[in-house]
Protein backbone atom coordinates (compact mmCIF):
# COMPACT_ATOMS: atom_id res chain seq x y z
CA UNK A 1 94.36 86.62 -16.93
CA UNK A 2 95.65 84.45 -14.15
CA UNK A 3 93.36 82.51 -11.80
CA UNK A 4 94.54 84.77 -9.01
CA UNK A 5 93.27 87.74 -10.93
CA UNK A 6 89.98 86.00 -11.50
CA UNK A 7 89.58 85.38 -7.76
CA UNK A 8 90.49 88.99 -6.92
CA UNK A 9 87.93 90.35 -9.37
CA UNK A 10 84.61 91.62 -8.00
CA UNK A 11 82.77 89.63 -10.67
CA UNK A 12 81.66 86.01 -9.80
CA UNK A 13 83.95 83.27 -10.99
CA UNK A 14 82.73 81.56 -14.09
CA UNK A 15 83.07 77.78 -13.96
CA UNK A 16 81.73 74.90 -15.92
CA UNK A 17 79.78 72.21 -14.13
CA UNK A 18 82.61 69.78 -14.72
CA UNK A 19 85.17 72.21 -13.39
CA UNK A 20 83.09 72.94 -10.27
CA UNK A 21 82.54 69.25 -9.69
CA UNK A 22 86.26 68.60 -9.99
CA UNK A 23 87.05 71.47 -7.60
CA UNK A 24 84.52 70.16 -5.06
CA UNK A 25 86.00 66.69 -5.25
CA UNK A 26 89.55 68.02 -4.90
CA UNK A 27 88.49 70.37 -2.09
CA UNK A 28 86.80 67.65 -0.10
CA UNK A 29 89.82 65.40 -0.58
CA UNK A 30 92.11 68.16 0.62
CA UNK A 31 89.84 69.02 3.57
CA UNK A 32 89.20 65.40 4.58
CA UNK A 33 92.18 63.45 3.22
CA UNK A 34 91.54 60.35 5.36
CA UNK A 35 88.70 58.33 6.83
CA UNK A 36 86.27 59.74 9.39
CA UNK A 37 84.14 58.17 12.12
CA UNK A 38 80.57 59.35 11.60
CA UNK A 39 77.71 58.61 14.01
CA UNK A 40 74.08 58.43 13.01
CA UNK A 41 70.99 56.31 12.53
CA UNK A 42 70.48 53.94 9.60
CA UNK A 43 67.54 54.77 7.35
CA UNK A 44 66.26 53.55 3.97
CA UNK A 45 68.54 50.51 4.00
CA UNK A 46 68.65 48.75 0.61
CA UNK A 47 70.37 45.59 -0.59
CA UNK A 48 71.40 45.65 -4.24
CA UNK A 49 71.68 42.56 -6.41
CA UNK A 50 75.33 43.35 -6.93
CA UNK A 51 75.98 42.68 -3.24
CA UNK A 52 76.44 46.36 -2.48
CA UNK A 53 74.30 48.00 0.22
CA UNK A 54 73.03 51.58 0.25
CA UNK A 55 71.43 53.53 3.05
CA UNK A 56 71.10 57.00 4.51
CA UNK A 57 72.84 57.99 7.70
CA UNK A 58 70.57 60.49 9.44
CA UNK A 59 70.52 62.55 12.59
CA UNK A 60 66.93 62.44 13.90
CA UNK A 61 65.29 65.62 15.08
CA UNK A 62 65.00 66.16 18.82
CA UNK A 63 61.27 66.78 18.35
CA UNK A 64 59.13 63.73 17.47
CA UNK A 65 57.45 63.98 14.08
CA UNK A 66 59.86 66.59 12.74
CA UNK A 67 62.08 66.02 9.70
CA UNK A 68 65.60 64.73 10.29
CA UNK A 69 68.19 67.33 11.16
CA UNK A 70 70.73 66.04 8.64
CA UNK A 71 71.11 63.23 6.11
CA UNK A 72 74.01 61.71 4.15
CA UNK A 73 73.99 58.88 1.63
CA UNK A 74 76.22 55.90 2.38
CA UNK A 75 77.54 53.27 0.00
CA UNK A 76 78.84 49.94 1.32
CA UNK A 77 80.44 48.08 -1.54
CA UNK A 78 80.47 44.30 -1.72
CA UNK A 79 84.26 44.00 -1.32
CA UNK A 80 83.96 45.59 2.14
CA UNK A 81 80.49 44.48 3.16
CA UNK A 82 81.49 40.90 4.06
CA UNK A 83 84.04 42.17 6.55
CA UNK A 84 81.58 44.69 8.04
CA UNK A 85 78.85 42.05 8.41
CA UNK A 86 81.26 39.65 10.14
CA UNK A 87 82.42 42.35 12.53
CA UNK A 88 78.86 43.15 13.57
CA UNK A 89 77.79 39.52 13.85
CA UNK A 90 80.79 38.43 15.91
CA UNK A 91 80.41 41.41 18.24
CA UNK A 92 76.90 40.49 19.39
CA UNK A 93 74.69 39.18 16.63
CA UNK A 94 74.27 42.60 15.05
CA UNK A 95 73.37 43.34 11.44
CA UNK A 96 72.84 46.59 9.58
CA UNK A 97 69.15 47.50 9.65
CA UNK A 98 66.91 50.54 9.71
CA UNK A 99 66.74 52.58 12.95
CA UNK A 100 70.07 51.12 14.10
CA UNK A 101 72.44 53.57 15.76
CA UNK A 102 75.92 53.14 14.22
CA UNK A 103 79.36 54.66 14.13
CA UNK A 104 80.84 53.98 10.69
CA UNK A 105 84.28 54.55 9.26
CA UNK A 106 84.06 56.22 5.87
CA UNK A 107 85.60 58.69 3.48
CA UNK A 108 83.72 61.56 1.96
CA UNK A 109 83.33 61.31 -1.79
CA UNK A 110 81.78 63.57 -4.35
CA UNK A 111 80.85 61.96 -7.67
CA UNK A 112 80.64 64.70 -10.32
CA UNK A 113 78.76 62.73 -13.01
CA UNK A 114 75.74 62.41 -10.71
CA UNK A 115 76.45 65.39 -8.49
CA UNK A 116 76.12 63.17 -5.47
CA UNK A 117 77.91 63.57 -2.19
CA UNK A 118 78.16 60.30 -0.28
CA UNK A 119 80.10 58.43 2.32
CA UNK A 120 82.04 55.38 1.19
CA UNK A 121 81.87 53.03 4.15
CA UNK A 122 84.80 50.75 4.94
CA UNK A 123 84.37 49.92 8.64
CA UNK A 124 82.09 49.96 11.66
CA UNK A 125 82.43 50.26 15.43
CA UNK A 126 80.12 47.55 16.91
CA UNK A 127 80.86 48.68 20.45
CA UNK A 128 79.12 51.97 19.78
CA UNK A 129 75.97 50.22 18.54
CA UNK A 130 75.92 47.77 21.43
CA UNK A 131 76.45 50.58 23.87
CA UNK A 132 73.63 52.62 22.42
CA UNK A 133 71.32 49.59 22.39
CA UNK A 134 72.21 48.78 25.98
CA UNK A 135 71.85 52.36 27.08
CA UNK A 136 68.47 52.72 25.42
CA UNK A 137 67.35 49.40 26.90
CA UNK A 138 68.41 50.45 30.39
CA UNK A 139 66.77 53.85 30.01
CA UNK A 140 63.50 52.24 29.01
CA UNK A 141 63.62 49.64 31.79
CA UNK A 142 64.29 52.33 34.40
CA UNK A 143 61.45 54.47 33.05
CA UNK A 144 59.02 51.55 33.15
CA UNK A 145 60.13 50.66 36.67
CA UNK A 146 59.69 54.24 37.86
CA UNK A 147 56.17 54.28 36.45
CA UNK A 148 55.30 50.93 38.07
CA UNK A 149 54.88 49.24 34.69
CA UNK A 150 57.80 46.81 34.71
CA UNK A 151 55.86 44.18 36.67
CA UNK A 152 52.32 45.38 35.93
CA UNK A 153 51.43 42.53 33.57
CA UNK A 154 52.44 39.93 36.16
CA UNK A 155 49.50 41.05 38.29
CA UNK A 156 47.09 39.65 35.68
CA UNK A 157 46.03 36.14 36.74
CA UNK A 158 46.06 33.31 34.21
CA UNK A 159 42.78 31.35 34.51
CA UNK A 160 43.08 27.62 35.15
CA UNK A 161 43.02 25.84 32.80
CA UNK A 162 44.14 28.34 30.10
CA UNK A 163 42.42 26.77 27.08
CA UNK A 164 41.58 30.02 25.24
CA UNK A 165 44.94 31.31 23.99
CA UNK A 166 45.76 34.39 21.93
CA UNK A 167 48.77 34.08 19.61
CA UNK A 168 50.65 37.02 18.08
CA UNK A 169 53.40 36.04 15.66
CA UNK A 170 54.29 35.87 11.99
CA UNK A 171 51.76 33.35 10.67
CA UNK A 172 53.48 30.66 8.63
CA UNK A 173 56.86 31.15 10.28
CA UNK A 174 58.85 28.40 11.99
CA UNK A 175 57.92 29.93 15.34
CA UNK A 176 54.24 29.68 14.47
CA UNK A 177 54.66 26.06 13.36
CA UNK A 178 56.58 25.06 16.51
CA UNK A 179 54.03 26.66 18.82
CA UNK A 180 51.04 25.15 16.99
CA UNK A 181 52.65 21.69 16.86
CA UNK A 182 53.12 21.66 20.63
CA UNK A 183 49.43 22.46 21.13
CA UNK A 184 48.37 19.87 18.54
CA UNK A 185 50.40 17.07 20.14
CA UNK A 186 48.97 17.81 23.59
CA UNK A 187 45.51 16.55 22.67
CA UNK A 188 43.85 19.26 24.78
CA UNK A 189 40.91 21.26 23.32
CA UNK A 190 42.70 24.61 22.89
CA UNK A 191 41.02 27.53 21.16
CA UNK A 192 43.75 29.66 19.55
CA UNK A 193 43.03 33.26 18.47
CA UNK A 194 45.80 34.00 15.95
CA UNK A 195 46.87 37.45 14.77
CA UNK A 196 49.53 37.85 12.09
CA UNK A 197 52.14 40.56 12.68
CA UNK A 198 55.55 41.58 11.36
CA UNK A 199 58.25 40.61 13.83
CA UNK A 200 61.14 42.63 12.38
CA UNK A 201 61.81 45.62 10.14
CA UNK A 202 60.26 49.06 9.87
CA UNK A 203 57.04 49.46 11.80
CA UNK A 204 57.16 45.95 13.27
CA UNK A 205 57.00 47.15 16.88
CA UNK A 206 53.83 49.15 16.18
CA UNK A 207 52.36 46.22 14.26
CA UNK A 208 53.03 43.89 17.19
CA UNK A 209 51.51 46.34 19.66
CA UNK A 210 48.36 46.72 17.56
CA UNK A 211 48.07 42.94 17.22
CA UNK A 212 48.25 42.51 21.00
CA UNK A 213 45.50 45.10 21.49
CA UNK A 214 43.33 43.37 18.89
CA UNK A 215 43.70 39.90 20.42
CA UNK A 216 43.11 41.25 23.94
CA UNK A 217 39.65 42.53 22.91
CA UNK A 218 38.55 38.90 22.46
CA UNK A 219 39.33 38.19 26.16
CA UNK A 220 41.62 35.16 25.90
CA UNK A 221 42.94 33.46 29.04
CA UNK A 222 46.51 34.32 28.03
CA UNK A 223 48.32 35.86 25.03
CA UNK A 224 51.50 34.32 23.65
CA UNK A 225 53.95 36.62 21.81
CA UNK A 226 56.47 34.46 19.93
CA UNK A 227 59.11 34.58 17.22
CA UNK A 228 62.19 32.57 16.27
CA UNK A 229 65.80 33.49 16.80
CA UNK A 230 67.75 36.19 15.03
CA UNK A 231 70.37 38.87 15.40
CA UNK A 232 70.11 41.69 17.89
CA UNK A 233 68.86 43.97 15.15
CA UNK A 234 66.34 41.37 13.99
CA UNK A 235 64.91 41.39 17.49
CA UNK A 236 65.02 45.17 17.88
CA UNK A 237 61.22 45.41 17.72
CA UNK A 238 60.99 43.49 21.00
CA UNK A 239 63.05 46.19 22.71
CA UNK A 240 60.81 48.97 21.44
CA UNK A 241 59.10 51.23 23.93
CA UNK A 242 55.71 51.11 22.21
CA UNK A 243 55.59 47.33 22.49
CA UNK A 244 56.82 47.32 26.09
CA UNK A 245 54.17 49.83 27.20
CA UNK A 246 51.46 47.91 25.38
CA UNK A 247 52.33 44.67 27.19
CA UNK A 248 52.60 46.45 30.53
CA UNK A 249 49.17 48.10 30.27
CA UNK A 250 47.15 45.14 28.96
CA UNK A 251 44.71 43.55 31.40
CA UNK A 252 45.47 40.08 29.97
CA UNK A 253 48.58 38.09 30.89
CA UNK A 254 51.19 38.08 28.09
CA UNK A 255 53.80 35.30 27.90
CA UNK A 256 56.73 35.52 25.50
CA UNK A 257 58.66 32.90 23.58
CA UNK A 258 61.38 34.78 21.73
CA UNK A 259 64.14 32.60 20.31
CA UNK A 260 67.25 34.18 21.73
CA UNK A 261 69.47 32.58 24.31
CA UNK A 262 71.79 35.35 25.56
CA UNK A 263 69.91 38.51 26.51
CA UNK A 264 66.30 39.08 27.41
CA UNK A 265 64.38 41.58 25.33
CA UNK A 266 62.50 44.40 27.04
CA UNK A 267 59.30 42.59 26.02
CA UNK A 268 60.49 39.62 28.10
CA UNK A 269 61.11 41.89 31.09
CA UNK A 270 57.60 43.39 31.10
CA UNK A 271 55.76 40.17 30.19
CA UNK A 272 53.95 38.03 32.75
CA UNK A 273 56.39 35.16 32.06
CA UNK A 274 59.22 34.82 29.53
CA UNK A 275 60.36 31.60 27.85
CA UNK A 276 63.42 31.01 25.66
CA UNK A 277 61.64 29.64 22.59
CA UNK A 278 58.16 29.43 21.05
CA UNK A 279 58.15 25.68 21.78
CA UNK A 280 58.99 26.27 25.44
CA UNK A 281 56.25 28.89 25.66
CA UNK A 282 53.64 26.51 24.23
CA UNK A 283 54.91 23.66 26.42
CA UNK A 284 54.46 25.80 29.53
CA UNK A 285 50.82 26.54 28.67
CA UNK A 286 50.25 22.86 27.88
CA UNK A 287 51.87 22.02 31.21
CA UNK A 288 49.39 24.21 33.08
CA UNK A 289 46.46 22.47 31.41
CA UNK A 290 48.04 19.04 32.03
CA UNK A 291 48.53 19.89 35.70
CA UNK A 292 44.86 20.85 35.95
CA UNK A 293 43.82 17.64 34.18
CA UNK A 294 46.02 15.60 36.55
CA UNK A 295 44.53 17.38 39.55
CA UNK A 296 41.01 16.61 38.30
CA UNK A 297 41.98 12.97 37.70
CA UNK A 298 43.50 12.75 41.19
CA UNK A 299 40.37 14.30 42.64
CA UNK A 300 38.19 11.82 40.76
CA UNK A 301 40.31 8.94 42.03
CA UNK A 302 40.19 10.32 45.57
CA UNK A 303 36.42 10.69 45.37
CA UNK A 304 36.10 7.14 44.02
CA UNK A 305 38.32 5.79 46.81
CA UNK A 306 36.43 7.68 49.48
CA UNK A 307 33.10 6.62 48.02
CA UNK A 308 34.29 2.99 47.95
CA UNK A 309 35.52 3.21 51.54
CA UNK A 310 32.25 4.81 52.62
CA UNK A 311 30.28 2.12 50.80
CA UNK A 312 32.35 -0.61 52.45
CA UNK A 313 31.85 0.94 55.88
CA UNK A 314 28.14 1.33 55.22
CA UNK A 315 27.92 -2.30 54.06
CA UNK A 316 29.76 -3.46 57.17
CA UNK A 317 27.49 -1.38 59.37
CA UNK A 318 24.43 -2.70 57.55
CA UNK A 319 25.59 -6.29 57.97
CA UNK A 320 26.27 -5.70 61.66
CA UNK A 321 22.89 -4.02 62.09
CA UNK A 322 21.18 -6.88 60.28
CA UNK A 323 22.89 -9.42 62.53
CA UNK A 324 22.04 -7.45 65.65
CA UNK A 325 18.45 -7.01 64.44
CA UNK A 326 18.16 -10.71 63.72
CA UNK A 327 19.51 -11.59 67.18
CA UNK A 328 17.27 -9.03 68.85
CA UNK A 329 14.23 -10.16 66.89
CA UNK A 330 14.93 -13.80 67.79
CA UNK A 331 15.25 -12.91 71.48
CA UNK A 332 12.02 -10.91 71.37
CA UNK A 333 10.23 -13.70 69.55
CA UNK A 334 11.52 -16.22 72.08
CA UNK A 335 10.29 -14.05 74.96
CA UNK A 336 6.95 -13.52 73.22
CA UNK A 337 6.64 -17.25 72.57
CA UNK A 338 7.26 -18.02 76.25
CA UNK A 339 4.72 -15.42 77.26
CA UNK A 340 2.26 -16.79 74.73
CA UNK A 341 2.74 -20.30 76.10
CA UNK A 342 2.12 -18.99 79.60
CA UNK A 343 -0.99 -17.15 78.45
CA UNK A 344 -2.24 -20.25 76.65
CA UNK A 345 -1.74 -22.27 79.81
CA UNK A 346 -3.46 -19.64 81.89
CA UNK A 347 -6.30 -19.47 79.39
CA UNK A 348 -6.66 -23.19 79.54
CA UNK A 349 -6.88 -23.10 83.36
CA UNK A 350 -8.89 -19.89 83.74
CA UNK A 351 -12.34 -20.88 82.28
CA UNK A 352 -13.00 -23.63 84.82
CA UNK A 353 -12.06 -21.50 87.78
CA UNK A 354 -14.10 -18.68 86.40
CA UNK A 355 -17.09 -20.89 85.86
CA UNK A 356 -16.79 -22.24 89.42
CA UNK A 357 -16.62 -18.72 90.86
CA UNK A 358 -19.57 -17.57 88.75
CA UNK A 359 -21.58 -20.63 89.74
CA UNK A 360 -20.97 -19.88 93.40
CA UNK A 361 -21.91 -16.25 92.84
CA UNK A 362 -25.06 -17.29 90.96
CA UNK A 363 -26.06 -19.63 93.78
CA UNK A 364 -25.67 -16.81 96.27
CA UNK A 365 -27.82 -14.53 94.13
CA UNK A 366 -30.45 -17.24 93.82
CA UNK A 367 -30.51 -17.68 97.60
CA UNK A 368 -30.95 -13.96 98.01
CA UNK A 369 -33.75 -13.95 95.47
CA UNK A 370 -35.46 -16.87 97.17
CA UNK A 371 -35.21 -15.09 100.52
CA UNK A 372 -37.00 -12.14 99.02
CA UNK A 373 -39.84 -14.26 97.52
CA UNK A 374 -43.23 -12.75 98.78
CA UNK A 375 -44.64 -16.19 99.38
CA UNK A 376 -41.86 -16.98 101.84
CA UNK A 377 -42.41 -13.60 103.50
CA UNK A 378 -46.14 -14.30 103.85
CA UNK A 379 -45.38 -17.73 105.19
CA UNK A 380 -43.44 -16.15 108.01
CA UNK A 381 -46.60 -14.22 109.09
CA UNK A 382 -46.24 -11.07 107.11
CA UNK A 383 -48.96 -9.56 104.87
CA UNK A 384 -48.99 -7.31 101.85
CA UNK A 385 -51.70 -4.67 101.40
CA UNK A 386 -52.58 -3.04 98.08
CA UNK A 387 -55.26 -0.64 96.91
CA UNK A 388 -57.93 -1.91 94.63
CA UNK A 389 -55.89 -0.72 91.66
CA UNK A 390 -52.90 -2.77 92.81
CA UNK A 391 -50.88 0.10 94.25
CA UNK A 392 -48.77 -1.10 97.11
CA UNK A 393 -49.63 0.52 100.45
CA UNK A 394 -46.43 1.45 102.20
CA UNK A 395 -47.77 4.12 104.59
CA UNK A 396 -51.04 5.36 106.08
CA UNK A 397 -50.65 8.35 103.88
CA UNK A 398 -51.14 6.10 100.84
CA UNK A 399 -54.82 5.48 101.89
CA UNK A 400 -57.89 7.48 102.49
CA UNK A 401 -61.19 6.81 104.28
CA UNK A 402 -63.38 4.72 102.08
CA UNK A 403 -60.54 3.11 100.05
CA UNK A 404 -60.83 -0.60 99.39
CA UNK A 405 -57.83 -2.55 100.57
CA UNK A 406 -56.72 -5.98 99.40
CA UNK A 407 -54.46 -7.69 101.94
CA UNK A 408 -52.44 -10.73 100.90
CA UNK A 409 -51.83 -13.28 103.64
CA UNK A 410 -50.84 -16.91 103.64
CA UNK A 411 -53.56 -18.84 101.99
CA UNK A 412 -55.38 -15.93 100.25
CA UNK A 413 -56.50 -12.30 100.40
CA UNK A 414 -58.63 -10.20 102.75
CA UNK A 415 -60.66 -7.31 101.37
CA UNK A 416 -61.48 -4.42 103.66
CA UNK A 417 -62.57 -0.81 103.63
CA UNK A 418 -60.71 2.07 105.29
CA UNK A 419 -62.80 3.63 108.01
CA UNK A 420 -60.03 5.85 109.31
CA UNK A 421 -56.26 6.30 109.55
CA UNK A 422 -53.96 7.08 112.38
CA UNK A 423 -50.33 8.00 111.99
CA UNK A 424 -47.86 6.11 114.17
CA UNK A 425 -46.96 7.64 117.56
CA UNK A 426 -50.09 9.82 117.85
CA UNK A 427 -51.88 9.62 121.23
CA UNK A 428 -55.63 8.97 121.41
CA UNK A 429 -57.89 11.67 122.73
CA UNK A 430 -59.39 11.15 126.27
């Protein structure tokens, strides 16, 4: 029976595994006789010791979390890999890595012994990858700008001086060493809150985002996100949306020091401030502290100068006041001394004059007293009459009929008895 008869029969064709494998290989070769350009995303990338590289080229599902829509195995043999790596590197620092969007040149091959269908890669279009990276970067930047997140972190103030610093990086890396050395050489009392994180490869963007959240809970003055240089694919994590949104929504200022000179990563764009290297990032923080220290030193010097000037002025004023006080006191003392001399002279002259005046006054008083002496009054012809008890008789009303009167006259007394009284001015009866 001819093969044509077998095909025309209603019964299924009976083939051996080897025969079917050979037919599949021949059919694929006939259907796709030359190379193809296939677009997809790199997944499960693996370097073999032989120098070959193996990975899957997948088409991700449109719905997050769903399985990939399609997958093909790819083999990149060592005799071609060197050329592919150079092409990617020279085009923009690219390198094959997981999650990278690529357009590869390959032929379809079916290997019957293992029953494996795979693509044998022999070229790559770096322009496609760069375009996709740029397009994704621009899409993300526009989305962040539309949401007001592109400059959100810049609104977070950095306290002065920023001595409490959070550091997110790969601990033990050159970037970590460079950053720490800059702080150590400064001599300032920094407190560094370090958090180790993967800076490239699968899951690195999520790891970096989680590290930033963790450090931010300790309330540092500023968080530094640093890593050394690398290819565009090495730095892919710093273009990831999850990391960009984390930086944008933190309430702590984030500064970056990512070692790439040409393009800025999305993380740089959303950070408070971006620096070209970890060393430059650390130096900028040190510079802020140094500027504060200089300002304090200048203030101290200014205070000392002003205090010295004030002391000098006060001393000059005190000296002037002392001199003026001394002159004033001397003038007052001189005036007081002159007045005292005058008073002493007056005191020396005053007693004699006073005594003379008092003597004259005393003589006048004595004359007055002598004029009032009863004996002198009696000698002039006057008399003094008293009652027997010695009471002076000044008026007729002081006596009564029968009273004994003692009248003093010159040379003695006259005793008499009152027979009657008559008030002055009263007329006698006829």
